[in-house]
Amino acid sequence: MIDAAEPLNCTGITIWTEGEILIVKYSVWYYGFLGTKRVPVSKITSVNWKEPGEWLAGFLEISILGEQPPSPHASPNVQHQNRFQFGSADRAEFAALRDWIEERRAAGESTESRPSSVADEIAKLGKLVEQGLLTPDEFQAHKSKLLN
């Protein structure tokens, strides 16, 4: 979606994508030694959006599953490292990034929440028998539970 050759830029942050990965590169000047963060879209738990105004910047903020919060003594920039500020001129590009993230999150949720059929569960059990992780007797016991 966003090529490394033409990334999105906001104050001290450069953003691009590679496949299903969001890459965020932080400037040493604004963010110290945070470096570059590679975030799989599947690990993004929420997306917050604020429209830019005439005088105020808008922002796109993401929450990442498993990410430790920064120290309360860290600079405000580091504390808001997942908030990408932009002006009215860049609104369309950041809206496209927001939509790209949300589309992939929705696709991931729909495949995760899809219930598996009894046949799928029996096939999974069969693979476990083939791998030697389940005995044939255990397979039959689990299969009878699924069929009843």
C-alpha atoms as a PDB file:
ATOM      1  CA  MET A   1       0.000   0.000   0.000  1.00  0.00           C
ATOM      2  CA  ILE A   2       2.615   2.561   1.076  1.00  0.00           C
ATOM      3  CA  ASP A   3       5.921   1.849  -0.626  1.00  0.00           C
ATOM      4  CA  ALA A   4       9.236   2.430   1.142  1.00  0.00           C
ATOM      5  CA  ALA A   5      10.243   4.576  -1.848  1.00  0.00           C
ATOM      6  CA  GLU A   6       7.331   6.974  -1.132  1.00  0.00           C
ATOM      7  CA  PRO A   7       6.558   6.625   2.602  1.00  0.00           C
ATOM      8  CA  LEU A   8       4.227   8.726   4.708  1.00  0.00           C
ATOM      9  CA  ASN A   9       6.029  11.299   6.815  1.00  0.00           C
ATOM     10  CA  CYS A  10       4.910  13.066   9.937  1.00  0.00           C
ATOM     11  CA  THR A  11       6.916  14.811  12.629  1.00  0.00           C
ATOM     12  CA  GLY A  12       9.862  12.536  13.282  1.00  0.00           C
ATOM     13  CA  ILE A  13       8.157   9.404  11.924  1.00  0.00           C
ATOM     14  CA  THR A  14       8.350   7.663   8.560  1.00  0.00           C
ATOM     15  CA  ILE A  15       5.698   5.018   7.779  1.00  0.00           C
ATOM     16  CA  TRP A  16       5.435   2.394   5.030  1.00  0.00           C
ATOM     17  CA  THR A  17       4.110  -1.123   4.558  1.00  0.00           C
ATOM     18  CA  GLU A  18       5.562  -4.441   3.452  1.00  0.00           C
ATOM     19  CA  GLY A  19       2.864  -7.030   2.821  1.00  0.00           C
ATOM     20  CA  GLU A  20       0.746  -7.201   5.987  1.00  0.00           C
ATOM     21  CA  ILE A  21       3.362  -5.387   8.098  1.00  0.00           C
ATOM     22  CA  LEU A  22       3.263  -1.717   9.079  1.00  0.00           C
ATOM     23  CA  ILE A  23       6.777  -0.313   9.451  1.00  0.00           C
ATOM     24  CA  VAL A  24       7.324   2.755  11.603  1.00  0.00           C
ATOM     25  CA  LYS A  25      10.758   4.381  11.645  1.00  0.00           C
ATOM     26  CA  TYR A  26      11.408   6.903  14.391  1.00  0.00           C
ATOM     27  CA  SER A  27      13.790   9.850  14.101  1.00  0.00           C
ATOM     28  CA  VAL A  28      16.503   9.945  16.749  1.00  0.00           C
ATOM     29  CA  TRP A  29      16.015  13.699  17.042  1.00  0.00           C
ATOM     30  CA  TYR A  30      12.388  13.426  18.216  1.00  0.00           C
ATOM     31  CA  TYR A  31      12.181   9.904  19.657  1.00  0.00           C
ATOM     32  CA  GLY A  32      15.629   9.009  20.949  1.00  0.00           C
ATOM     33  CA  PHE A  33      16.710   5.492  20.130  1.00  0.00           C
ATOM     34  CA  LEU A  34      13.348   3.824  19.427  1.00  0.00           C
ATOM     35  CA  GLY A  35      14.630   2.793  15.993  1.00  0.00           C
ATOM     36  CA  THR A  36      12.265   1.001  13.606  1.00  0.00           C
ATOM     37  CA  LYS A  37       9.160  -0.899  14.629  1.00  0.00           C
ATOM     38  CA  ARG A  38       7.644  -3.702  12.494  1.00  0.00           C
ATOM     39  CA  VAL A  39       3.976  -4.181  13.400  1.00  0.00           C
ATOM     40  CA  PRO A  40       1.963  -7.051  11.906  1.00  0.00           C
ATOM     41  CA  VAL A  41      -1.544  -5.741  11.198  1.00  0.00           C
ATOM     42  CA  SER A  42      -2.906  -8.753  13.098  1.00  0.00           C
ATOM     43  CA  LYS A  43      -1.351  -7.283  16.285  1.00  0.00           C
ATOM     44  CA  ILE A  44      -3.114  -3.918  15.951  1.00  0.00           C
ATOM     45  CA  THR A  45      -6.010  -3.983  18.418  1.00  0.00           C
ATOM     46  CA  SER A  46      -7.541  -0.566  17.791  1.00  0.00           C
ATOM     47  CA  VAL A  47      -7.328   2.449  15.536  1.00  0.00           C
ATOM     48  CA  ASN A  48      -8.232   5.942  16.754  1.00  0.00           C
ATOM     49  CA  TRP A  49      -8.766   8.793  14.337  1.00  0.00           C
ATOM     50  CA  LYS A  50      -9.057  12.545  14.786  1.00  0.00           C
ATOM     51  CA  GLU A  51      -9.796  14.784  11.828  1.00  0.00           C
ATOM     52  CA  PRO A  52      -7.413  17.703  11.322  1.00  0.00           C
ATOM     53  CA  GLY A  53      -8.855  21.170  11.768  1.00  0.00           C
ATOM     54  CA  GLU A  54      -7.859  24.523  10.344  1.00  0.00           C
ATOM     55  CA  TRP A  55      -5.421  25.164  13.182  1.00  0.00           C
ATOM     56  CA  LEU A  56      -4.937  21.766  14.800  1.00  0.00           C
ATOM     57  CA  ALA A  57      -3.358  18.591  13.500  1.00  0.00           C
ATOM     58  CA  GLY A  58      -5.320  15.401  13.209  1.00  0.00           C
ATOM     59  CA  PHE A  59      -3.947  12.026  14.209  1.00  0.00           C
ATOM     60  CA  LEU A  60      -4.106   8.316  13.536  1.00  0.00           C
ATOM     61  CA  GLU A  61      -3.300   6.314  16.657  1.00  0.00           C
ATOM     62  CA  ILE A  62      -2.881   2.546  16.882  1.00  0.00           C
ATOM     63  CA  SER A  63      -2.821   0.200  19.866  1.00  0.00           C
ATOM     64  CA  ILE A  64      -0.576  -2.843  19.573  1.00  0.00           C
ATOM     65  CA  LEU A  65      -1.246  -6.157  21.294  1.00  0.00           C
ATOM     66  CA  GLY A  66       1.474  -7.036  23.795  1.00  0.00           C
ATOM     67  CA  GLU A  67       3.351  -3.756  23.562  1.00  0.00           C
ATOM     68  CA  GLN A  68       4.641  -2.539  26.904  1.00  0.00           C
ATOM     69  CA  PRO A  69       3.652   1.019  27.761  1.00  0.00           C
ATOM     70  CA  PRO A  70       6.535   3.496  27.830  1.00  0.00           C
ATOM     71  CA  SER A  71       7.878   4.791  31.111  1.00  0.00           C
ATOM     72  CA  PRO A  72       5.823   7.618  32.602  1.00  0.00           C
ATOM     73  CA  HIS A  73       9.114   9.524  32.776  1.00  0.00           C
ATOM     74  CA  ALA A  74       9.712   9.249  29.027  1.00  0.00           C
ATOM     75  CA  SER A  75       9.307  12.273  26.787  1.00  0.00           C
ATOM     76  CA  PRO A  76       5.807  13.061  25.501  1.00  0.00           C
ATOM     77  CA  ASN A  77       6.940  12.001  22.014  1.00  0.00           C
ATOM     78  CA  VAL A  78       7.908   8.537  23.267  1.00  0.00           C
ATOM     79  CA  GLN A  79       4.705   8.249  25.300  1.00  0.00           C
ATOM     80  CA  HIS A  80       2.675   8.871  22.123  1.00  0.00           C
ATOM     81  CA  GLN A  81       4.915   6.928  19.745  1.00  0.00           C
ATOM     82  CA  ASN A  82       1.940   5.182  18.106  1.00  0.00           C
ATOM     83  CA  ARG A  83       0.144   8.459  17.372  1.00  0.00           C
ATOM     84  CA  PHE A  84       0.857   9.757  13.897  1.00  0.00           C
ATOM     85  CA  GLN A  85      -0.025  13.459  13.529  1.00  0.00           C
ATOM     86  CA  PHE A  86      -0.860  14.994  10.176  1.00  0.00           C
ATOM     87  CA  GLY A  87      -2.244  18.195   8.709  1.00  0.00           C
ATOM     88  CA  SER A  88      -5.129  18.808   6.331  1.00  0.00           C
ATOM     89  CA  ALA A  89      -2.836  18.481   3.302  1.00  0.00           C
ATOM     90  CA  ASP A  90      -1.949  14.880   4.238  1.00  0.00           C
ATOM     91  CA  ARG A  91      -5.420  13.801   5.362  1.00  0.00           C
ATOM     92  CA  ALA A  92      -6.156  11.634   2.298  1.00  0.00           C
ATOM     93  CA  GLU A  93      -2.929   9.610   2.647  1.00  0.00           C
ATOM     94  CA  PHE A  94      -3.456   8.958   6.356  1.00  0.00           C
ATOM     95  CA  ALA A  95      -7.133   8.124   5.780  1.00  0.00           C
ATOM     96  CA  ALA A  96      -6.004   5.554   3.186  1.00  0.00           C
ATOM     97  CA  LEU A  97      -3.596   4.081   5.766  1.00  0.00           C
ATOM     98  CA  ARG A  98      -6.386   3.942   8.360  1.00  0.00           C
ATOM     99  CA  ASP A  99      -8.701   2.202   5.877  1.00  0.00           C
ATOM    100  CA  TRP A 100      -5.939  -0.252   4.885  1.00  0.00           C
ATOM    101  CA  ILE A 101      -5.361  -1.204   8.540  1.00  0.00           C
ATOM    102  CA  GLU A 102      -9.075  -1.537   9.305  1.00  0.00           C
ATOM    103  CA  GLU A 103      -9.760  -3.667   6.201  1.00  0.00           C
ATOM    104  CA  ARG A 104      -7.005  -6.109   7.143  1.00  0.00           C
ATOM    105  CA  ARG A 105      -8.095  -6.207  10.781  1.00  0.00           C
ATOM    106  CA  ALA A 106     -11.674  -6.956   9.702  1.00  0.00           C
ATOM    107  CA  ALA A 107     -10.510  -9.714   7.328  1.00  0.00           C
ATOM    108  CA  GLY A 108      -8.431 -11.265  10.116  1.00  0.00           C
ATOM    109  CA  GLU A 109     -11.316 -11.117  12.586  1.00  0.00           C
ATOM    110  CA  SER A 110     -13.729 -12.747  10.147  1.00  0.00           C
ATOM    111  CA  THR A 111     -11.401 -15.712   9.550  1.00  0.00           C
ATOM    112  CA  GLU A 112     -10.650 -16.073  13.269  1.00  0.00           C
ATOM    113  CA  SER A 113     -14.290 -15.896  14.333  1.00  0.00           C
ATOM    114  CA  ARG A 114     -15.537 -18.332  11.732  1.00  0.00           C
ATOM    115  CA  PRO A 115     -16.651 -21.492  13.544  1.00  0.00           C
ATOM    116  CA  SER A 116     -15.083 -24.699  12.327  1.00  0.00           C
ATOM    117  CA  SER A 117     -17.274 -27.611  11.337  1.00  0.00           C
ATOM    118  CA  VAL A 118     -17.210 -31.029  12.975  1.00  0.00           C
ATOM    119  CA  ALA A 119     -15.511 -32.378   9.852  1.00  0.00           C
ATOM    120  CA  ASP A 120     -12.757 -29.754  10.215  1.00  0.00           C
ATOM    121  CA  GLU A 121     -12.211 -30.746  13.840  1.00  0.00           C
ATOM    122  CA  ILE A 122     -12.027 -34.450  12.949  1.00  0.00           C
ATOM    123  CA  ALA A 123      -9.531 -33.660  10.184  1.00  0.00           C
ATOM    124  CA  LYS A 124      -7.373 -31.753  12.688  1.00  0.00           C
ATOM    125  CA  LEU A 125      -7.495 -34.720  15.054  1.00  0.00           C
ATOM    126  CA  GLY A 126      -6.490 -37.017  12.169  1.00  0.00           C
ATOM    127  CA  LYS A 127      -3.422 -34.875  11.530  1.00  0.00           C
ATOM    128  CA  LEU A 128      -2.481 -35.136  15.194  1.00  0.00           C
ATOM    129  CA  VAL A 129      -2.671 -38.952  14.909  1.00  0.00           C
ATOM    130  CA  GLU A 130      -0.449 -38.827  11.798  1.00  0.00           C
ATOM    131  CA  GLN A 131       2.082 -36.705  13.687  1.00  0.00           C
ATOM    132  CA  GLY A 132       2.075 -39.159  16.580  1.00  0.00           C
ATOM    133  CA  LEU A 133       0.701 -36.602  19.015  1.00  0.00           C
ATOM    134  CA  LEU A 134      -2.552 -38.528  19.538  1.00  0.00           C
ATOM    135  CA  THR A 135      -3.150 -42.265  19.791  1.00  0.00           C
ATOM    136  CA  PRO A 136      -5.847 -43.950  17.661  1.00  0.00           C
ATOM    137  CA  ASP A 137      -7.859 -44.644  20.828  1.00  0.00           C
ATOM    138  CA  GLU A 138      -7.697 -40.973  21.855  1.00  0.00           C
ATOM    139  CA  PHE A 139      -8.706 -40.016  18.310  1.00  0.00           C
ATOM    140  CA  GLN A 140     -11.795 -42.266  18.507  1.00  0.00           C
ATOM    141  CA  ALA A 141     -12.735 -40.862  21.930  1.00  0.00           C
ATOM    142  CA  HIS A 142     -12.510 -37.250  20.712  1.00  0.00           C
ATOM    143  CA  LYS A 143     -14.318 -38.104  17.483  1.00  0.00           C
ATOM    144  CA  SER A 144     -17.233 -39.701  19.349  1.00  0.00           C
ATOM    145  CA  LYS A 145     -17.504 -36.599  21.575  1.00  0.00           C
ATOM    146  CA  LEU A 146     -17.673 -34.375  18.495  1.00  0.00           C
ATOM    147  CA  LEU A 147     -20.287 -36.540  16.777  1.00  0.00           C
ATOM    148  CA  ASN A 148     -22.582 -36.713  19.840  1.00  0.00           C
END
